[in-house]
Amino acid sequence: MIFVTVGNAKQEFGRLIDAISRLQAALPEEVIHVQYGYSSIDGMNIRGQKFYDKVVFEDLILKCDVLITHSGAGTLVTAIRLGKFPLVWPRRKIFKEHINDHQLEICSEFQRLGYCHIVESFEDILESIKIKTSKDIVVEKKVTALDLEIGKLLKDLGLQKL
């Protein structure tokens, strides 16, 4: 199962939603659940809902073979805490998906630390899934609680106080 989350930003995230619609067509046997937030899924064969409560959200992360997510710090930390190595598609200012490019900054640092892989196209997602079998897309680095590197990163980005 693939779980996709776009977060709770009010801006649409059409680039990711369109890629997931294409992914569903390319992998028809794969079950894909999408938390699509404020993005439009009209006319798309996408299974999911706007938002999930925390328990269901974390359960979907735990059960998925592949996690594709926006680059929200909270979602990334949750994914890592739950033992997942996410494919991360940052929301970008240039596409009016967010007010600035902090998501790109966050996921670039998480990728540098070995906690995620950045994707920004349907082809990136498909290639990442093919290169790594679904069983291989798990944390490639042992993580204990809130890893000190992540805590420091969030502090440096002004997103959390240690």
N, C-alpha and C. Protein backbone atom coordinates (compact mmCIF):
# COMPACT_ATOMS: atom_id res chain seq x y z
N MET A 1 0.84 -1.18 0.00
CA MET A 1 0.00 0.00 0.00
C MET A 1 0.89 1.24 0.00
N ILE A 2 0.45 2.23 -0.77
CA ILE A 2 1.13 3.52 -0.82
C ILE A 2 0.25 4.53 -0.11
N PHE A 3 0.85 5.30 0.79
CA PHE A 3 0.12 6.37 1.46
C PHE A 3 0.74 7.69 1.05
N VAL A 4 -0.13 8.63 0.67
CA VAL A 4 0.30 9.95 0.23
C VAL A 4 -0.36 10.99 1.12
N THR A 5 0.43 11.96 1.58
CA THR A 5 -0.14 13.05 2.37
C THR A 5 0.36 14.39 1.85
N VAL A 6 -0.59 15.31 1.65
CA VAL A 6 -0.25 16.65 1.16
C VAL A 6 -0.22 17.68 2.28
N GLY A 7 -0.59 17.27 3.49
CA GLY A 7 -0.58 18.20 4.61
C GLY A 7 -1.84 19.03 4.70
N ASN A 8 -1.76 20.11 5.49
CA ASN A 8 -2.96 20.91 5.73
C ASN A 8 -2.84 22.35 5.25
N ALA A 9 -1.84 22.65 4.42
CA ALA A 9 -1.74 24.00 3.84
C ALA A 9 -2.99 24.27 3.01
N LYS A 10 -3.45 25.50 3.01
CA LYS A 10 -4.68 25.87 2.29
C LYS A 10 -4.49 25.87 0.77
N GLN A 11 -3.25 26.00 0.31
CA GLN A 11 -3.00 26.02 -1.12
C GLN A 11 -3.13 24.61 -1.71
N GLU A 12 -3.60 24.56 -2.95
CA GLU A 12 -3.69 23.27 -3.63
C GLU A 12 -2.30 22.74 -3.90
N PHE A 13 -2.21 21.42 -4.06
CA PHE A 13 -0.94 20.77 -4.36
C PHE A 13 -1.14 19.90 -5.60
N GLY A 14 -1.56 20.56 -6.67
CA GLY A 14 -1.92 19.88 -7.90
C GLY A 14 -0.81 19.07 -8.53
N ARG A 15 0.44 19.52 -8.42
CA ARG A 15 1.54 18.76 -9.02
C ARG A 15 1.63 17.36 -8.42
N LEU A 16 1.54 17.28 -7.09
CA LEU A 16 1.62 15.97 -6.45
C LEU A 16 0.36 15.15 -6.73
N ILE A 17 -0.81 15.76 -6.65
CA ILE A 17 -2.06 15.03 -6.89
C ILE A 17 -2.10 14.48 -8.31
N ASP A 18 -1.68 15.29 -9.30
CA ASP A 18 -1.64 14.81 -10.68
C ASP A 18 -0.68 13.63 -10.84
N ALA A 19 0.48 13.73 -10.18
CA ALA A 19 1.46 12.64 -10.25
C ALA A 19 0.88 11.36 -9.64
N ILE A 20 0.13 11.50 -8.56
CA ILE A 20 -0.46 10.33 -7.90
C ILE A 20 -1.56 9.73 -8.78
N SER A 21 -2.31 10.55 -9.47
CA SER A 21 -3.31 10.04 -10.41
C SER A 21 -2.63 9.23 -11.51
N ARG A 22 -1.51 9.73 -12.01
CA ARG A 22 -0.73 9.00 -13.02
C ARG A 22 -0.13 7.72 -12.43
N LEU A 23 0.29 7.79 -11.18
CA LEU A 23 0.87 6.61 -10.51
C LEU A 23 -0.19 5.52 -10.38
N GLN A 24 -1.41 5.92 -10.03
CA GLN A 24 -2.50 4.95 -9.89
C GLN A 24 -2.76 4.25 -11.23
N ALA A 25 -2.68 5.01 -12.32
CA ALA A 25 -2.88 4.42 -13.65
C ALA A 25 -1.71 3.50 -14.02
N ALA A 26 -0.50 3.87 -13.62
CA ALA A 26 0.69 3.07 -13.94
C ALA A 26 0.79 1.81 -13.10
N LEU A 27 0.24 1.86 -11.89
CA LEU A 27 0.29 0.72 -10.97
C LEU A 27 -1.13 0.37 -10.52
N PRO A 28 -1.97 -0.11 -11.43
CA PRO A 28 -3.38 -0.33 -11.10
C PRO A 28 -3.62 -1.35 -9.99
N GLU A 29 -2.68 -2.26 -9.78
CA GLU A 29 -2.84 -3.27 -8.73
C GLU A 29 -2.49 -2.73 -7.35
N GLU A 30 -1.86 -1.57 -7.30
CA GLU A 30 -1.40 -0.99 -6.04
C GLU A 30 -2.52 -0.19 -5.37
N VAL A 31 -2.73 -0.43 -4.08
CA VAL A 31 -3.69 0.35 -3.30
C VAL A 31 -2.99 1.64 -2.88
N ILE A 32 -3.60 2.77 -3.22
CA ILE A 32 -3.03 4.08 -2.87
C ILE A 32 -4.08 4.85 -2.08
N HIS A 33 -3.72 5.25 -0.88
CA HIS A 33 -4.58 6.10 -0.04
C HIS A 33 -3.97 7.49 -0.04
N VAL A 34 -4.82 8.51 -0.23
CA VAL A 34 -4.33 9.88 -0.31
C VAL A 34 -5.06 10.77 0.69
N GLN A 35 -4.28 11.48 1.49
CA GLN A 35 -4.81 12.58 2.32
C GLN A 35 -4.59 13.80 1.44
N TYR A 36 -5.67 14.30 0.82
CA TYR A 36 -5.53 15.32 -0.21
C TYR A 36 -5.81 16.75 0.25
N GLY A 37 -6.21 16.93 1.50
CA GLY A 37 -6.36 18.28 2.04
C GLY A 37 -7.25 19.17 1.19
N TYR A 38 -6.74 20.35 0.85
CA TYR A 38 -7.50 21.33 0.09
C TYR A 38 -7.29 21.20 -1.41
N SER A 39 -6.65 20.13 -1.86
CA SER A 39 -6.42 19.92 -3.28
C SER A 39 -7.64 19.28 -3.92
N SER A 40 -7.89 19.61 -5.17
CA SER A 40 -9.02 19.05 -5.90
C SER A 40 -8.65 17.68 -6.47
N ILE A 41 -9.57 16.74 -6.30
CA ILE A 41 -9.38 15.40 -6.90
C ILE A 41 -10.55 15.08 -7.83
N ASP A 42 -11.30 16.10 -8.24
CA ASP A 42 -12.45 15.91 -9.12
C ASP A 42 -12.04 15.17 -10.39
N GLY A 43 -12.79 14.12 -10.72
CA GLY A 43 -12.55 13.37 -11.94
C GLY A 43 -11.38 12.41 -11.86
N MET A 44 -10.74 12.32 -10.71
CA MET A 44 -9.59 11.42 -10.57
C MET A 44 -10.00 10.17 -9.81
N ASN A 45 -9.40 9.08 -10.15
CA ASN A 45 -9.68 7.82 -9.48
C ASN A 45 -8.73 7.69 -8.28
N ILE A 46 -8.96 8.54 -7.29
CA ILE A 46 -8.09 8.58 -6.12
C ILE A 46 -8.91 8.20 -4.88
N ARG A 47 -8.38 7.28 -4.09
CA ARG A 47 -9.01 6.82 -2.87
C ARG A 47 -8.40 7.59 -1.69
N GLY A 48 -9.23 8.16 -0.86
CA GLY A 48 -8.71 8.87 0.30
C GLY A 48 -9.71 9.86 0.83
N GLN A 49 -9.22 10.79 1.61
CA GLN A 49 -10.07 11.83 2.15
C GLN A 49 -9.25 13.06 2.44
N LYS A 50 -9.98 14.16 2.72
CA LYS A 50 -9.30 15.45 2.96
C LYS A 50 -8.29 15.34 4.10
N PHE A 51 -8.75 14.84 5.23
CA PHE A 51 -7.89 14.74 6.41
C PHE A 51 -8.22 13.46 7.17
N TYR A 52 -7.23 12.96 7.89
CA TYR A 52 -7.40 11.80 8.77
C TYR A 52 -7.09 12.25 10.20
N ASP A 53 -7.77 11.65 11.18
CA ASP A 53 -7.39 11.97 12.55
C ASP A 53 -6.02 11.35 12.82
N LYS A 54 -5.38 11.78 13.90
CA LYS A 54 -4.00 11.38 14.18
C LYS A 54 -3.81 9.87 14.25
N VAL A 55 -4.73 9.17 14.88
CA VAL A 55 -4.60 7.72 15.04
C VAL A 55 -4.63 7.02 13.68
N VAL A 56 -5.60 7.37 12.84
CA VAL A 56 -5.71 6.76 11.51
C VAL A 56 -4.52 7.16 10.65
N PHE A 57 -4.12 8.43 10.72
CA PHE A 57 -2.98 8.94 9.95
C PHE A 57 -1.72 8.14 10.28
N GLU A 58 -1.43 7.98 11.56
CA GLU A 58 -0.23 7.24 11.96
C GLU A 58 -0.34 5.76 11.59
N ASP A 59 -1.56 5.20 11.66
CA ASP A 59 -1.76 3.80 11.28
C ASP A 59 -1.49 3.61 9.78
N LEU A 60 -1.92 4.55 8.96
CA LEU A 60 -1.65 4.47 7.52
C LEU A 60 -0.15 4.56 7.25
N ILE A 61 0.55 5.42 7.98
CA ILE A 61 2.00 5.51 7.82
C ILE A 61 2.65 4.18 8.21
N LEU A 62 2.23 3.63 9.34
CA LEU A 62 2.80 2.36 9.80
C LEU A 62 2.57 1.23 8.80
N LYS A 63 1.38 1.18 8.22
CA LYS A 63 1.01 0.06 7.35
C LYS A 63 1.49 0.19 5.91
N CYS A 64 1.85 1.40 5.50
CA CYS A 64 2.20 1.57 4.09
C CYS A 64 3.58 0.98 3.77
N ASP A 65 3.72 0.55 2.52
CA ASP A 65 5.00 0.08 2.01
C ASP A 65 5.82 1.26 1.49
N VAL A 66 5.10 2.26 0.96
CA VAL A 66 5.73 3.47 0.43
C VAL A 66 4.97 4.66 0.98
N LEU A 67 5.72 5.63 1.50
CA LEU A 67 5.14 6.88 2.00
C LEU A 67 5.62 8.01 1.10
N ILE A 68 4.67 8.74 0.53
CA ILE A 68 4.97 9.92 -0.28
C ILE A 68 4.34 11.10 0.45
N THR A 69 5.15 12.10 0.78
CA THR A 69 4.65 13.18 1.61
C THR A 69 5.15 14.54 1.17
N HIS A 70 4.41 15.56 1.57
CA HIS A 70 4.90 16.94 1.46
C HIS A 70 6.05 17.06 2.45
N SER A 71 6.67 18.20 2.53
CA SER A 71 7.84 18.34 3.40
C SER A 71 7.53 19.10 4.68
N GLY A 72 6.41 18.80 5.29
CA GLY A 72 6.10 19.39 6.58
C GLY A 72 6.95 18.75 7.66
N ALA A 73 7.55 19.57 8.50
CA ALA A 73 8.45 19.04 9.54
C ALA A 73 7.76 18.03 10.43
N GLY A 74 6.53 18.30 10.83
CA GLY A 74 5.81 17.39 11.70
C GLY A 74 5.58 16.03 11.06
N THR A 75 5.20 16.04 9.79
CA THR A 75 4.98 14.78 9.08
C THR A 75 6.28 14.01 8.91
N LEU A 76 7.36 14.72 8.58
CA LEU A 76 8.65 14.04 8.42
C LEU A 76 9.11 13.41 9.73
N VAL A 77 9.00 14.15 10.81
CA VAL A 77 9.42 13.61 12.11
C VAL A 77 8.56 12.41 12.48
N THR A 78 7.25 12.50 12.24
CA THR A 78 6.36 11.37 12.53
C THR A 78 6.75 10.15 11.70
N ALA A 79 6.99 10.36 10.42
CA ALA A 79 7.37 9.24 9.55
C ALA A 79 8.64 8.57 10.04
N ILE A 80 9.63 9.36 10.38
CA ILE A 80 10.90 8.80 10.84
C ILE A 80 10.72 8.10 12.18
N ARG A 81 9.96 8.71 13.07
CA ARG A 81 9.69 8.10 14.37
C ARG A 81 9.01 6.74 14.21
N LEU A 82 8.18 6.62 13.16
CA LEU A 82 7.47 5.37 12.91
C LEU A 82 8.25 4.41 12.01
N GLY A 83 9.50 4.75 11.73
CA GLY A 83 10.37 3.84 11.00
C GLY A 83 10.25 3.87 9.49
N LYS A 84 9.79 4.96 8.94
CA LYS A 84 9.64 5.06 7.48
C LYS A 84 10.71 5.95 6.87
N PHE A 85 11.07 5.65 5.64
CA PHE A 85 11.98 6.44 4.83
C PHE A 85 11.13 7.03 3.71
N PRO A 86 10.62 8.25 3.89
CA PRO A 86 9.64 8.79 2.94
C PRO A 86 10.24 9.33 1.65
N LEU A 87 9.42 9.29 0.62
CA LEU A 87 9.68 10.04 -0.60
C LEU A 87 9.01 11.40 -0.36
N VAL A 88 9.77 12.47 -0.49
CA VAL A 88 9.28 13.79 -0.08
C VAL A 88 9.20 14.73 -1.28
N TRP A 89 8.01 15.27 -1.50
CA TRP A 89 7.78 16.24 -2.58
C TRP A 89 7.47 17.57 -1.92
N PRO A 90 8.43 18.49 -1.90
CA PRO A 90 8.20 19.76 -1.21
C PRO A 90 7.24 20.68 -1.96
N ARG A 91 6.40 21.35 -1.21
CA ARG A 91 5.57 22.41 -1.78
C ARG A 91 6.51 23.57 -2.14
N ARG A 92 6.25 24.22 -3.27
CA ARG A 92 7.13 25.28 -3.73
C ARG A 92 6.38 26.59 -3.93
N LYS A 93 7.05 27.68 -3.58
CA LYS A 93 6.49 29.01 -3.74
C LYS A 93 6.21 29.32 -5.22
N ILE A 94 7.15 28.98 -6.10
CA ILE A 94 7.02 29.30 -7.52
C ILE A 94 5.73 28.75 -8.13
N PHE A 95 5.21 27.64 -7.56
CA PHE A 95 3.98 27.04 -8.05
C PHE A 95 2.76 27.44 -7.21
N LYS A 96 2.97 28.39 -6.30
CA LYS A 96 1.90 28.90 -5.41
C LYS A 96 1.35 27.80 -4.50
N GLU A 97 2.23 26.86 -4.13
CA GLU A 97 1.83 25.77 -3.24
C GLU A 97 2.09 26.12 -1.78
N HIS A 98 2.87 27.18 -1.57
CA HIS A 98 3.16 27.66 -0.21
C HIS A 98 3.65 29.09 -0.31
N ILE A 99 3.81 29.74 0.84
CA ILE A 99 4.18 31.15 0.85
C ILE A 99 5.68 31.38 0.67
N ASN A 100 6.48 30.33 0.89
CA ASN A 100 7.93 30.41 0.69
C ASN A 100 8.45 29.00 0.43
N ASP A 101 9.77 28.86 0.36
CA ASP A 101 10.35 27.54 0.04
C ASP A 101 10.96 26.85 1.26
N HIS A 102 10.37 27.07 2.43
CA HIS A 102 10.91 26.40 3.62
C HIS A 102 10.81 24.88 3.52
N GLN A 103 9.81 24.36 2.80
CA GLN A 103 9.70 22.91 2.67
C GLN A 103 10.88 22.33 1.89
N LEU A 104 11.34 23.04 0.88
CA LEU A 104 12.51 22.60 0.13
C LEU A 104 13.75 22.61 1.02
N GLU A 105 13.88 23.64 1.84
CA GLU A 105 15.01 23.73 2.77
C GLU A 105 15.00 22.57 3.76
N ILE A 106 13.82 22.29 4.31
CA ILE A 106 13.69 21.22 5.30
C ILE A 106 14.04 19.86 4.70
N CYS A 107 13.41 19.53 3.56
CA CYS A 107 13.65 18.18 3.02
C CYS A 107 15.07 18.05 2.46
N SER A 108 15.66 19.13 2.00
CA SER A 108 17.05 19.05 1.53
C SER A 108 17.96 18.66 2.68
N GLU A 109 17.72 19.22 3.85
CA GLU A 109 18.54 18.88 5.01
C GLU A 109 18.24 17.46 5.50
N PHE A 110 16.97 17.08 5.53
CA PHE A 110 16.62 15.71 5.93
C PHE A 110 17.25 14.70 4.97
N GLN A 111 17.24 15.00 3.67
CA GLN A 111 17.86 14.09 2.70
C GLN A 111 19.37 14.03 2.93
N ARG A 112 20.00 15.18 3.18
CA ARG A 112 21.44 15.20 3.44
C ARG A 112 21.79 14.32 4.64
N LEU A 113 20.90 14.30 5.63
CA LEU A 113 21.12 13.50 6.83
C LEU A 113 20.75 12.02 6.61
N GLY A 114 20.17 11.69 5.47
CA GLY A 114 19.84 10.30 5.17
C GLY A 114 18.48 9.85 5.65
N TYR A 115 17.55 10.79 5.87
CA TYR A 115 16.24 10.43 6.40
C TYR A 115 15.12 10.38 5.37
N CYS A 116 15.37 10.84 4.14
CA CYS A 116 14.32 10.83 3.12
C CYS A 116 14.95 10.94 1.75
N HIS A 117 14.09 10.84 0.73
CA HIS A 117 14.53 11.03 -0.65
C HIS A 117 13.57 12.03 -1.30
N ILE A 118 14.12 13.07 -1.92
CA ILE A 118 13.30 14.10 -2.54
C ILE A 118 12.87 13.65 -3.94
N VAL A 119 11.58 13.87 -4.23
CA VAL A 119 11.02 13.63 -5.56
C VAL A 119 10.23 14.87 -5.96
N GLU A 120 10.21 15.17 -7.25
CA GLU A 120 9.40 16.30 -7.71
C GLU A 120 8.76 16.04 -9.07
N SER A 121 8.56 14.76 -9.38
CA SER A 121 7.85 14.44 -10.62
C SER A 121 7.31 13.01 -10.51
N PHE A 122 6.36 12.71 -11.38
CA PHE A 122 5.83 11.36 -11.48
C PHE A 122 6.97 10.38 -11.76
N GLU A 123 7.87 10.78 -12.68
CA GLU A 123 8.98 9.92 -13.05
C GLU A 123 9.90 9.65 -11.85
N ASP A 124 10.15 10.68 -11.04
CA ASP A 124 10.96 10.50 -9.83
C ASP A 124 10.33 9.46 -8.90
N ILE A 125 9.02 9.56 -8.71
CA ILE A 125 8.33 8.62 -7.82
C ILE A 125 8.43 7.20 -8.37
N LEU A 126 8.08 7.05 -9.64
CA LEU A 126 8.09 5.72 -10.25
C LEU A 126 9.49 5.12 -10.19
N GLU A 127 10.51 5.90 -10.52
CA GLU A 127 11.89 5.41 -10.47
C GLU A 127 12.29 5.02 -9.05
N SER A 128 11.91 5.82 -8.08
CA SER A 128 12.24 5.53 -6.68
C SER A 128 11.59 4.25 -6.21
N ILE A 129 10.36 4.02 -6.63
CA ILE A 129 9.66 2.80 -6.25
C ILE A 129 10.29 1.59 -6.93
N LYS A 130 10.69 1.74 -8.19
CA LYS A 130 11.28 0.62 -8.92
C LYS A 130 12.69 0.30 -8.42
N ILE A 131 13.47 1.32 -8.10
CA ILE A 131 14.84 1.10 -7.62
C ILE A 131 14.82 0.40 -6.27
N LYS A 132 13.95 0.84 -5.40
CA LYS A 132 13.84 0.27 -4.06
C LYS A 132 12.56 -0.52 -4.02
N THR A 133 12.66 -1.81 -3.77
CA THR A 133 11.43 -2.57 -3.62
C THR A 133 10.68 -2.01 -2.43
N SER A 134 9.40 -2.23 -2.36
CA SER A 134 8.61 -1.64 -1.29
C SER A 134 9.15 -2.03 0.09
N LYS A 135 9.74 -3.21 0.22
CA LYS A 135 10.28 -3.61 1.51
C LYS A 135 11.56 -2.85 1.86
N ASP A 136 12.23 -2.30 0.84
CA ASP A 136 13.46 -1.56 1.10
C ASP A 136 13.21 -0.11 1.48
N ILE A 137 12.02 0.40 1.24
CA ILE A 137 11.76 1.79 1.56
C ILE A 137 11.35 1.87 3.03
N VAL A 138 12.34 1.75 3.85
CA VAL A 138 12.21 1.91 5.29
C VAL A 138 13.42 2.69 5.75
N VAL A 139 13.41 3.08 6.99
CA VAL A 139 14.54 3.86 7.47
C VAL A 139 15.84 3.13 7.21
N GLU A 140 16.74 3.81 6.55
CA GLU A 140 18.04 3.22 6.22
C GLU A 140 19.05 3.56 7.30
N LYS A 141 18.60 4.18 8.34
CA LYS A 141 19.46 4.65 9.41
C LYS A 141 18.68 4.45 10.71
N LYS A 142 19.28 3.88 11.71
CA LYS A 142 18.55 3.67 12.97
C LYS A 142 18.23 5.01 13.62
N VAL A 143 16.99 5.15 14.02
CA VAL A 143 16.53 6.39 14.62
C VAL A 143 16.02 6.08 16.02
N THR A 144 16.43 6.86 16.99
CA THR A 144 15.91 6.70 18.34
C THR A 144 15.14 7.95 18.72
N ALA A 145 13.90 7.77 19.11
CA ALA A 145 12.99 8.84 19.50
C ALA A 145 13.11 10.00 18.50
N LEU A 146 13.32 11.20 19.00
CA LEU A 146 13.52 12.35 18.12
C LEU A 146 15.02 12.54 18.00
N ASP A 147 15.58 11.98 16.95
CA ASP A 147 17.03 12.01 16.73
C ASP A 147 17.58 13.42 16.95
N LEU A 148 18.72 13.50 17.61
CA LEU A 148 19.32 14.79 17.93
C LEU A 148 19.61 15.62 16.69
N GLU A 149 19.98 14.97 15.60
CA GLU A 149 20.23 15.73 14.37
C GLU A 149 18.97 16.43 13.89
N ILE A 150 17.83 15.74 13.97
CA ILE A 150 16.57 16.33 13.53
C ILE A 150 16.18 17.46 14.47
N GLY A 151 16.33 17.23 15.77
CA GLY A 151 16.02 18.28 16.74
C GLY A 151 16.85 19.53 16.49
N LYS A 152 18.13 19.34 16.21
CA LYS A 152 19.02 20.47 15.93
C LYS A 152 18.59 21.16 14.63
N LEU A 153 18.26 20.37 13.61
CA LEU A 153 17.82 20.94 12.34
C LEU A 153 16.59 21.81 12.54
N LEU A 154 15.60 21.29 13.24
CA LEU A 154 14.37 22.05 13.45
C LEU A 154 14.66 23.32 14.24
N LYS A 155 15.56 23.23 15.21
CA LYS A 155 15.94 24.41 15.97
C LYS A 155 16.62 25.43 15.06
N ASP A 156 17.56 24.96 14.23
CA ASP A 156 18.27 25.85 13.32
C ASP A 156 17.31 26.53 12.34
N LEU A 157 16.27 25.83 11.94
CA LEU A 157 15.30 26.41 11.01
C LEU A 157 14.23 27.23 11.74
N GLY A 158 14.35 27.29 13.06
CA GLY A 158 13.41 28.09 13.85
C GLY A 158 12.05 27.45 13.99
N LEU A 159 11.98 26.14 13.84
CA LEU A 159 10.69 25.45 13.89
C LEU A 159 10.44 24.76 15.24
N GLN A 160 11.47 24.66 16.07
CA GLN A 160 11.31 23.98 17.36
C GLN A 160 12.37 24.48 18.30
N LYS A 161 12.02 24.57 19.56
CA LYS A 161 13.00 24.88 20.59
C LYS A 161 13.43 23.60 21.25
N LEU A 162 14.74 23.43 21.45
CA LEU A 162 15.24 22.24 22.15
C LEU A 162 15.14 22.41 23.64
